[in-house]
């Protein structure tokens, strides 16, 4: 939904309530028919360590299915993994 800034000033409480009712709603505020801002619900931030926990859970599930990854000691050959066997990725 696009709304001119002059209308957004007058209708701000109603716009906030609309976003509060439906968090998927995004309201673009325009100046001279060009979108300059967007009003939408905030997304809750993930807890610290959430990505690591999910990766560990995925690893456990895959291990249960018999899909074990080959054990590699990447730290010994870190430059090869980063830059390729010839020293640079092409």
PDB file of N, CA and C in Angstrom:
ATOM      1  N   UNK A   1       0.847  -1.166   0.000  1.00  0.00           N
ATOM      2  CA  UNK A   1       0.000   0.000   0.000  1.00  0.00           C
ATOM      3  C   UNK A   1       0.898   1.235   0.000  1.00  0.00           C
ATOM      4  N   UNK A   2       0.620   2.175  -0.856  1.00  0.00           N
ATOM      5  CA  UNK A   2       1.376   3.423  -0.927  1.00  0.00           C
ATOM      6  C   UNK A   2       0.483   4.552  -0.426  1.00  0.00           C
ATOM      7  N   UNK A   3       1.101   5.461   0.311  1.00  0.00           N
ATOM      8  CA  UNK A   3       0.345   6.586   0.866  1.00  0.00           C
ATOM      9  C   UNK A   3       1.248   7.824   0.861  1.00  0.00           C
ATOM     10  N   UNK A   4       0.710   8.968   0.443  1.00  0.00           N
ATOM     11  CA  UNK A   4       1.502  10.202   0.454  1.00  0.00           C
ATOM     12  C   UNK A   4       1.861  10.608   1.887  1.00  0.00           C
ATOM     13  N   UNK A   5       2.961  11.295   2.033  1.00  0.00           N
ATOM     14  CA  UNK A   5       3.435  11.665   3.366  1.00  0.00           C
ATOM     15  C   UNK A   5       2.450  12.567   4.100  1.00  0.00           C
ATOM     16  N   UNK A   6       1.751  13.429   3.376  1.00  0.00           N
ATOM     17  CA  UNK A   6       0.777  14.306   4.030  1.00  0.00           C
ATOM     18  C   UNK A   6      -0.364  13.495   4.654  1.00  0.00           C
ATOM     19  N   UNK A   7      -0.804  12.435   3.969  1.00  0.00           N
ATOM     20  CA  UNK A   7      -1.838  11.569   4.538  1.00  0.00           C
ATOM     21  C   UNK A   7      -1.273  10.718   5.674  1.00  0.00           C
ATOM     22  N   UNK A   8      -0.033  10.310   5.547  1.00  0.00           N
ATOM     23  CA  UNK A   8       0.586   9.487   6.586  1.00  0.00           C
ATOM     24  C   UNK A   8       0.687  10.250   7.896  1.00  0.00           C
ATOM     25  N   UNK A   9       0.960  11.546   7.823  1.00  0.00           N
ATOM     26  CA  UNK A   9       1.033  12.375   9.039  1.00  0.00           C
ATOM     27  C   UNK A   9      -0.313  12.391   9.761  1.00  0.00           C
ATOM     28  N   UNK A  10      -1.369  12.551   9.001  1.00  0.00           N
ATOM     29  CA  UNK A  10      -2.700  12.630   9.606  1.00  0.00           C
ATOM     30  C   UNK A  10      -3.201  11.283  10.093  1.00  0.00           C
ATOM     31  N   UNK A  11      -2.853  10.219   9.390  1.00  0.00           N
ATOM     32  CA  UNK A  11      -3.409   8.897   9.675  1.00  0.00           C
ATOM     33  C   UNK A  11      -2.435   7.959  10.391  1.00  0.00           C
ATOM     34  N   UNK A  12      -1.367   8.498  10.957  1.00  0.00           N
ATOM     35  CA  UNK A  12      -0.348   7.638  11.546  1.00  0.00           C
ATOM     36  C   UNK A  12      -0.892   6.653  12.585  1.00  0.00           C
ATOM     37  N   UNK A  13      -1.735   7.083  13.543  1.00  0.00           N
ATOM     38  CA  UNK A  13      -2.255   6.097  14.505  1.00  0.00           C
ATOM     39  C   UNK A  13      -3.032   4.959  13.832  1.00  0.00           C
ATOM     40  N   UNK A  14      -3.817   5.272  12.825  1.00  0.00           N
ATOM     41  CA  UNK A  14      -4.579   4.232  12.112  1.00  0.00           C
ATOM     42  C   UNK A  14      -3.643   3.306  11.330  1.00  0.00           C
ATOM     43  N   UNK A  15      -2.597   3.874  10.740  1.00  0.00           N
ATOM     44  CA  UNK A  15      -1.638   3.062  10.001  1.00  0.00           C
ATOM     45  C   UNK A  15      -0.887   2.100  10.934  1.00  0.00           C
ATOM     46  N   UNK A  16      -0.517   2.598  12.109  1.00  0.00           N
ATOM     47  CA  UNK A  16       0.175   1.747  13.079  1.00  0.00           C
ATOM     48  C   UNK A  16      -0.744   0.614  13.521  1.00  0.00           C
ATOM     49  N   UNK A  17      -2.012   0.911  13.747  1.00  0.00           N
ATOM     50  CA  UNK A  17      -2.963  -0.138  14.134  1.00  0.00           C
ATOM     51  C   UNK A  17      -3.139  -1.168  13.029  1.00  0.00           C
ATOM     52  N   UNK A  18      -3.143  -0.718  11.780  1.00  0.00           N
ATOM     53  CA  UNK A  18      -3.277  -1.646  10.648  1.00  0.00           C
ATOM     54  C   UNK A  18      -2.089  -2.596  10.577  1.00  0.00           C
ATOM     55  N   UNK A  19      -0.898  -2.063  10.803  1.00  0.00           N
ATOM     56  CA  UNK A  19       0.302  -2.892  10.789  1.00  0.00           C
ATOM     57  C   UNK A  19       0.309  -3.834  11.990  1.00  0.00           C
ATOM     58  N   UNK A  20      -0.214  -3.342  13.116  1.00  0.00           N
ATOM     59  CA  UNK A  20      -0.268  -4.157  14.324  1.00  0.00           C
ATOM     60  C   UNK A  20      -1.228  -5.334  14.150  1.00  0.00           C
ATOM     61  N   UNK A  21      -2.331  -5.118  13.453  1.00  0.00           N
ATOM     62  CA  UNK A  21      -3.306  -6.193  13.221  1.00  0.00           C
ATOM     63  C   UNK A  21      -2.758  -7.257  12.285  1.00  0.00           C
ATOM     64  N   UNK A  22      -2.084  -6.831  11.227  1.00  0.00           N
ATOM     65  CA  UNK A  22      -1.533  -7.758  10.247  1.00  0.00           C
ATOM     66  C   UNK A  22      -0.050  -7.453  10.046  1.00  0.00           C
ATOM     67  N   UNK A  23       0.836  -8.194  10.727  1.00  0.00           N
ATOM     68  CA  UNK A  23       2.268  -7.904  10.638  1.00  0.00           C
ATOM     69  C   UNK A  23       2.855  -8.050   9.231  1.00  0.00           C
ATOM     70  N   UNK A  24       2.153  -8.717   8.325  1.00  0.00           N
ATOM     71  CA  UNK A  24       2.652  -8.861   6.952  1.00  0.00           C
ATOM     72  C   UNK A  24       2.432  -7.606   6.125  1.00  0.00           C
ATOM     73  N   UNK A  25       1.631  -6.667   6.631  1.00  0.00           N
ATOM     74  CA  UNK A  25       1.324  -5.430   5.916  1.00  0.00           C
ATOM     75  C   UNK A  25       2.554  -4.521   5.872  1.00  0.00           C
ATOM     76  N   UNK A  26       2.798  -3.954   4.729  1.00  0.00           N
ATOM     77  CA  UNK A  26       3.867  -2.960   4.579  1.00  0.00           C
ATOM     78  C   UNK A  26       3.263  -1.739   3.900  1.00  0.00           C
ATOM     79  N   UNK A  27       3.470  -0.581   4.500  1.00  0.00           N
ATOM     80  CA  UNK A  27       2.925   0.665   3.978  1.00  0.00           C
ATOM     81  C   UNK A  27       4.084   1.535   3.521  1.00  0.00           C
ATOM     82  N   UNK A  28       4.093   1.869   2.243  1.00  0.00           N
ATOM     83  CA  UNK A  28       5.144   2.733   1.699  1.00  0.00           C
ATOM     84  C   UNK A  28       4.678   4.175   1.757  1.00  0.00           C
ATOM     85  N   UNK A  29       5.539   5.031   2.282  1.00  0.00           N
ATOM     86  CA  UNK A  29       5.243   6.454   2.370  1.00  0.00           C
ATOM     87  C   UNK A  29       5.961   7.130   1.210  1.00  0.00           C
ATOM     88  N   UNK A  30       5.202   7.911   0.445  1.00  0.00           N
ATOM     89  CA  UNK A  30       5.747   8.509  -0.776  1.00  0.00           C
ATOM     90  C   UNK A  30       5.854  10.024  -0.667  1.00  0.00           C
ATOM     91  N   UNK A  31       6.817  10.561  -1.388  1.00  0.00           N
ATOM     92  CA  UNK A  31       6.969  12.005  -1.568  1.00  0.00           C
ATOM     93  C   UNK A  31       7.054  12.218  -3.070  1.00  0.00           C
ATOM     94  N   UNK A  32       6.095  12.935  -3.603  1.00  0.00           N
ATOM     95  CA  UNK A  32       6.003  13.169  -5.055  1.00  0.00           C
ATOM     96  C   UNK A  32       6.006  11.849  -5.828  1.00  0.00           C
ATOM     97  N   UNK A  33       5.198  10.924  -5.382  1.00  0.00           N
ATOM     98  CA  UNK A  33       5.010   9.602  -6.003  1.00  0.00           C
ATOM     99  C   UNK A  33       6.266   8.730  -5.999  1.00  0.00           C
ATOM    100  N   UNK A  34       7.230   9.034  -5.152  1.00  0.00           N
ATOM    101  CA  UNK A  34       8.424   8.209  -5.016  1.00  0.00           C
ATOM    102  C   UNK A  34       8.478   7.685  -3.584  1.00  0.00           C
ATOM    103  N   UNK A  35       8.571   6.370  -3.441  1.00  0.00           N
ATOM    104  CA  UNK A  35       8.615   5.757  -2.106  1.00  0.00           C
ATOM    105  C   UNK A  35       9.918   6.138  -1.416  1.00  0.00           C
ATOM    106  N   UNK A  36       9.785   6.699  -0.206  1.00  0.00           N
ATOM    107  CA  UNK A  36      10.962   7.124   0.540  1.00  0.00           C
ATOM    108  C   UNK A  36      11.081   6.430   1.897  1.00  0.00           C
ATOM    109  N   UNK A  37       9.993   5.825   2.363  1.00  0.00           N
ATOM    110  CA  UNK A  37      10.029   5.146   3.662  1.00  0.00           C
ATOM    111  C   UNK A  37       8.991   4.028   3.648  1.00  0.00           C
ATOM    112  N   UNK A  38       9.164   3.121   4.601  1.00  0.00           N
ATOM    113  CA  UNK A  38       8.233   2.003   4.699  1.00  0.00           C
ATOM    114  C   UNK A  38       7.879   1.783   6.162  1.00  0.00           C
ATOM    115  N   UNK A  39       6.608   1.589   6.424  1.00  0.00           N
ATOM    116  CA  UNK A  39       6.123   1.305   7.771  1.00  0.00           C
ATOM    117  C   UNK A  39       5.689  -0.149   7.796  1.00  0.00           C
ATOM    118  N   UNK A  40       6.350  -0.932   8.667  1.00  0.00           N
ATOM    119  CA  UNK A  40       5.994  -2.341   8.792  1.00  0.00           C
ATOM    120  C   UNK A  40       6.316  -2.808  10.194  1.00  0.00           C
ATOM    121  N   UNK A  41       5.788  -3.965  10.558  1.00  0.00           N
ATOM    122  CA  UNK A  41       6.017  -4.511  11.888  1.00  0.00           C
ATOM    123  C   UNK A  41       7.471  -4.950  12.028  1.00  0.00           C
ATOM    124  N   UNK A  42       7.997  -4.824  13.235  1.00  0.00           N
ATOM    125  CA  UNK A  42       9.366  -5.275  13.465  1.00  0.00           C
ATOM    126  C   UNK A  42       9.381  -6.790  13.546  1.00  0.00           C
ATOM    127  N   UNK A  43      10.463  -7.364  13.108  1.00  0.00           N
ATOM    128  CA  UNK A  43      10.638  -8.813  13.177  1.00  0.00           C
ATOM    129  C   UNK A  43      11.459  -9.121  14.427  1.00  0.00           C
ATOM    130  N   UNK A  44      11.033 -10.098  15.203  1.00  0.00           N
ATOM    131  CA  UNK A  44      11.810 -10.418  16.397  1.00  0.00           C
ATOM    132  C   UNK A  44      13.200 -10.934  16.004  1.00  0.00           C
ATOM    133  N   UNK A  45      14.193 -10.453  16.708  1.00  0.00           N
ATOM    134  CA  UNK A  45      15.572 -10.865  16.429  1.00  0.00           C
ATOM    135  C   UNK A  45      15.796 -12.279  16.956  1.00  0.00           C
ATOM    136  N   UNK A  46      16.546 -13.085  16.230  1.00  0.00           N
ATOM    137  CA  UNK A  46      16.828 -14.436  16.725  1.00  0.00           C
ATOM    138  C   UNK A  46      17.711 -14.368  17.971  1.00  0.00           C
ATOM    139  N   UNK A  47      17.583 -15.368  18.809  1.00  0.00           N
ATOM    140  CA  UNK A  47      18.399 -15.424  20.010  1.00  0.00           C
ATOM    141  C   UNK A  47      19.854 -15.664  19.620  1.00  0.00           C
ATOM    142  N   UNK A  48      20.790 -15.156  20.406  1.00  0.00           N
ATOM    143  CA  UNK A  48      22.201 -15.429  20.113  1.00  0.00           C
ATOM    144  C   UNK A  48      22.464 -16.939  20.128  1.00  0.00           C
ATOM    145  N   UNK A  49      23.157 -17.410  19.127  1.00  0.00           N
ATOM    146  CA  UNK A  49      23.484 -18.829  19.035  1.00  0.00           C
ATOM    147  C   UNK A  49      22.416 -19.672  18.368  1.00  0.00           C
ATOM    148  N   UNK A  50      21.338 -19.062  17.909  1.00  0.00           N
ATOM    149  CA  UNK A  50      20.229 -19.811  17.291  1.00  0.00           C
ATOM    150  C   UNK A  50      20.686 -20.531  16.022  1.00  0.00           C
ATOM    151  N   UNK A  51      21.475 -19.854  15.192  1.00  0.00           N
ATOM    152  CA  UNK A  51      21.945 -20.467  13.944  1.00  0.00           C
ATOM    153  C   UNK A  51      22.827 -21.672  14.238  1.00  0.00           C
ATOM    154  N   UNK A  52      23.709 -21.555  15.223  1.00  0.00           N
ATOM    155  CA  UNK A  52      24.581 -22.682  15.568  1.00  0.00           C
ATOM    156  C   UNK A  52      23.768 -23.862  16.089  1.00  0.00           C
ATOM    157  N   UNK A  53      22.765 -23.584  16.905  1.00  0.00           N
ATOM    158  CA  UNK A  53      21.903 -24.663  17.425  1.00  0.00           C
ATOM    159  C   UNK A  53      21.178 -25.387  16.297  1.00  0.00           C
ATOM    160  N   UNK A  54      20.665 -24.623  15.345  1.00  0.00           N
ATOM    161  CA  UNK A  54      19.949 -25.245  14.229  1.00  0.00           C
ATOM    162  C   UNK A  54      20.879 -26.075  13.353  1.00  0.00           C
ATOM    163  N   UNK A  55      22.099 -25.592  13.145  1.00  0.00           N
ATOM    164  CA  UNK A  55      23.054 -26.371  12.358  1.00  0.00           C
ATOM    165  C   UNK A  55      23.426 -27.671  13.071  1.00  0.00           C
ATOM    166  N   UNK A  56      23.595 -27.621  14.383  1.00  0.00           N
ATOM    167  CA  UNK A  56      23.905 -28.841  15.132  1.00  0.00           C
ATOM    168  C   UNK A  56      22.741 -29.828  15.093  1.00  0.00           C
ATOM    169  N   UNK A  57      21.512 -29.318  15.181  1.00  0.00           N
ATOM    170  CA  UNK A  57      20.340 -30.199  15.076  1.00  0.00           C
ATOM    171  C   UNK A  57      20.285 -30.858  13.700  1.00  0.00           C
ATOM    172  N   UNK A  58      20.544 -30.090  12.660  1.00  0.00           N
ATOM    173  CA  UNK A  58      20.548 -30.630  11.305  1.00  0.00           C
ATOM    174  C   UNK A  58      21.623 -31.699  11.155  1.00  0.00           C
ATOM    175  N   UNK A  59      22.788 -31.440  11.709  1.00  0.00           N
ATOM    176  CA  UNK A  59      23.876 -32.417  11.636  1.00  0.00           C
ATOM    177  C   UNK A  59      23.479 -33.722  12.321  1.00  0.00           C
ATOM    178  N   UNK A  60      22.818 -33.620  13.482  1.00  0.00           N
ATOM    179  CA  UNK A  60      22.374 -34.828  14.191  1.00  0.00           C
ATOM    180  C   UNK A  60      21.347 -35.596  13.366  1.00  0.00           C
ATOM    181  N   UNK A  61      20.399 -34.875  12.755  1.00  0.00           N
ATOM    182  CA  UNK A  61      19.378 -35.549  11.942  1.00  0.00           C
ATOM    183  C   UNK A  61      19.997 -36.254  10.745  1.00  0.00           C
ATOM    184  N   UNK A  62      20.943 -35.591  10.100  1.00  0.00           N
ATOM    185  CA  UNK A  62      21.601 -36.213   8.952  1.00  0.00           C
ATOM    186  C   UNK A  62      22.425 -37.427   9.373  1.00  0.00           C
ATOM    187  N   UNK A  63      23.059 -37.342  10.528  1.00  0.00           N
ATOM    188  CA  UNK A  63      23.856 -38.468  11.019  1.00  0.00           C
ATOM    189  C   UNK A  63      22.962 -39.666  11.307  1.00  0.00           C
ATOM    190  N   UNK A  64      21.759 -39.431  11.810  1.00  0.00           N
ATOM    191  CA  UNK A  64      20.819 -40.525  12.080  1.00  0.00           C
ATOM    192  C   UNK A  64      20.399 -41.223  10.794  1.00  0.00           C
ATOM    193  N   UNK A  65      20.368 -40.487   9.706  1.00  0.00           N
ATOM    194  CA  UNK A  65      19.972 -41.061   8.416  1.00  0.00           C
ATOM    195  C   UNK A  65      21.126 -41.761   7.721  1.00  0.00           C
ATOM    196  N   UNK A  66      22.292 -41.707   8.308  1.00  0.00           N
ATOM    197  CA  UNK A  66      23.447 -42.352   7.710  1.00  0.00           C
ATOM    198  C   UNK A  66      24.177 -41.479   6.722  1.00  0.00           C
ATOM    199  N   UNK A  67      23.898 -40.188   6.720  1.00  0.00           N
ATOM    200  CA  UNK A  67      24.550 -39.273   5.788  1.00  0.00           C
ATOM    201  C   UNK A  67      25.691 -38.552   6.495  1.00  0.00           C
ATOM    202  N   UNK A  68      26.706 -39.287   6.826  1.00  0.00           N
ATOM    203  CA  UNK A  68      27.835 -38.690   7.540  1.00  0.00           C
ATOM    204  C   UNK A  68      28.803 -38.064   6.540  1.00  0.00           C
ATOM    205  N   UNK A  69      29.285 -36.938   6.904  1.00  0.00           N
ATOM    206  CA  UNK A  69      30.261 -36.257   6.054  1.00  0.00           C
ATOM    207  C   UNK A  69      31.634 -36.856   6.286  1.00  0.00           C
ATOM    208  N   UNK A  70      32.463 -36.752   5.265  1.00  0.00           N
ATOM    209  CA  UNK A  70      33.837 -37.222   5.416  1.00  0.00           C
ATOM    210  C   UNK A  70      34.552 -36.337   6.425  1.00  0.00           C
ATOM    211  N   UNK A  71      35.328 -36.959   7.276  1.00  0.00           N
ATOM    212  CA  UNK A  71      36.091 -36.189   8.255  1.00  0.00           C
ATOM    213  C   UNK A  71      37.304 -35.583   7.567  1.00  0.00           C
ATOM    214  N   UNK A  72      37.420 -34.276   7.605  1.00  0.00           N
ATOM    215  CA  UNK A  72      38.553 -33.582   7.008  1.00  0.00           C
ATOM    216  C   UNK A  72      39.098 -32.606   8.039  1.00  0.00           C
ATOM    217  N   UNK A  73      40.366 -32.517   8.089  1.00  0.00           N
ATOM    218  CA  UNK A  73      40.992 -31.541   8.961  1.00  0.00           C
ATOM    219  C   UNK A  73      41.286 -30.307   8.121  1.00  0.00           C
ATOM    220  N   UNK A  74      40.339 -29.412   8.062  1.00  0.00           N
ATOM    221  CA  UNK A  74      40.452 -28.240   7.202  1.00  0.00           C
ATOM    222  C   UNK A  74      41.495 -27.268   7.729  1.00  0.00           C
ATOM    223  N   UNK A  75      41.658 -27.209   9.043  1.00  0.00           N
ATOM    224  CA  UNK A  75      42.580 -26.221   9.602  1.00  0.00           C
ATOM    225  C   UNK A  75      44.019 -26.464   9.154  1.00  0.00           C
ATOM    226  N   UNK A  76      44.374 -27.700   8.837  1.00  0.00           N
ATOM    227  CA  UNK A  76      45.730 -27.993   8.384  1.00  0.00           C
ATOM    228  C   UNK A  76      45.954 -27.434   6.984  1.00  0.00           C
ATOM    229  N   UNK A  77      44.919 -27.486   6.144  1.00  0.00           N
ATOM    230  CA  UNK A  77      45.049 -27.038   4.753  1.00  0.00           C
ATOM    231  C   UNK A  77      44.096 -25.876   4.475  1.00  0.00           C
ATOM    232  N   UNK A  78      44.052 -24.926   5.386  1.00  0.00           N
ATOM    233  CA  UNK A  78      43.083 -23.835   5.282  1.00  0.00           C
ATOM    234  C   UNK A  78      43.282 -23.014   4.003  1.00  0.00           C
ATOM    235  N   UNK A  79      44.524 -22.750   3.631  1.00  0.00           N
ATOM    236  CA  UNK A  79      44.750 -21.930   2.433  1.00  0.00           C
ATOM    237  C   UNK A  79      44.300 -22.656   1.172  1.00  0.00           C
ATOM    238  N   UNK A  80      44.464 -23.955   1.147  1.00  0.00           N
ATOM    239  CA  UNK A  80      44.009 -24.725  -0.010  1.00  0.00           C
ATOM    240  C   UNK A  80      42.484 -24.678  -0.116  1.00  0.00           C
ATOM    241  N   UNK A  81      41.808 -24.768   1.012  1.00  0.00           N
ATOM    242  CA  UNK A  81      40.342 -24.714   1.000  1.00  0.00           C
ATOM    243  C   UNK A  81      39.837 -23.326   0.625  1.00  0.00           C
ATOM    244  N   UNK A  82      40.557 -22.297   1.045  1.00  0.00           N
ATOM    245  CA  UNK A  82      40.127 -20.937   0.757  1.00  0.00           C
ATOM    246  C   UNK A  82      40.476 -20.486  -0.658  1.00  0.00           C
ATOM    247  N   UNK A  83      41.673 -20.836  -1.099  1.00  0.00           N
ATOM    248  CA  UNK A  83      42.179 -20.269  -2.343  1.00  0.00           C
ATOM    249  C   UNK A  83      42.368 -21.294  -3.461  1.00  0.00           C
ATOM    250  N   UNK A  84      42.061 -22.552  -3.210  1.00  0.00           N
ATOM    251  CA  UNK A  84      42.225 -23.565  -4.231  1.00  0.00           C
ATOM    252  C   UNK A  84      43.628 -24.168  -4.192  1.00  0.00           C
ATOM    253  N   UNK A  85      43.835 -25.225  -4.946  1.00  0.00           N
ATOM    254  CA  UNK A  85      45.111 -25.946  -4.906  1.00  0.00           C
ATOM    255  C   UNK A  85      46.250 -25.167  -5.550  1.00  0.00           C
ATOM    256  N   UNK A  86      45.934 -24.230  -6.447  1.00  0.00           N
ATOM    257  CA  UNK A  86      46.994 -23.465  -7.121  1.00  0.00           C
ATOM    258  C   UNK A  86      47.239 -22.111  -6.479  1.00  0.00           C
ATOM    259  N   UNK A  87      46.561 -21.833  -5.391  1.00  0.00           N
ATOM    260  CA  UNK A  87      46.824 -20.579  -4.671  1.00  0.00           C
ATOM    261  C   UNK A  87      45.801 -19.496  -4.884  1.00  0.00           C
ATOM    262  N   UNK A  88      44.980 -19.602  -5.930  1.00  0.00           N
ATOM    263  CA  UNK A  88      43.936 -18.592  -6.124  1.00  0.00           C
ATOM    264  C   UNK A  88      42.732 -19.256  -6.789  1.00  0.00           C
ATOM    265  N   UNK A  89      41.578 -18.783  -6.417  1.00  0.00           N
ATOM    266  CA  UNK A  89      40.340 -19.318  -7.000  1.00  0.00           C
ATOM    267  C   UNK A  89      40.093 -18.600  -8.310  1.00  0.00           C
ATOM    268  N   UNK A  90      39.826 -19.381  -9.337  1.00  0.00           N
ATOM    269  CA  UNK A  90      39.574 -18.774 -10.655  1.00  0.00           C
ATOM    270  C   UNK A  90      38.266 -19.236 -11.182  1.00  0.00           C
TER     271      UNK A  90
END
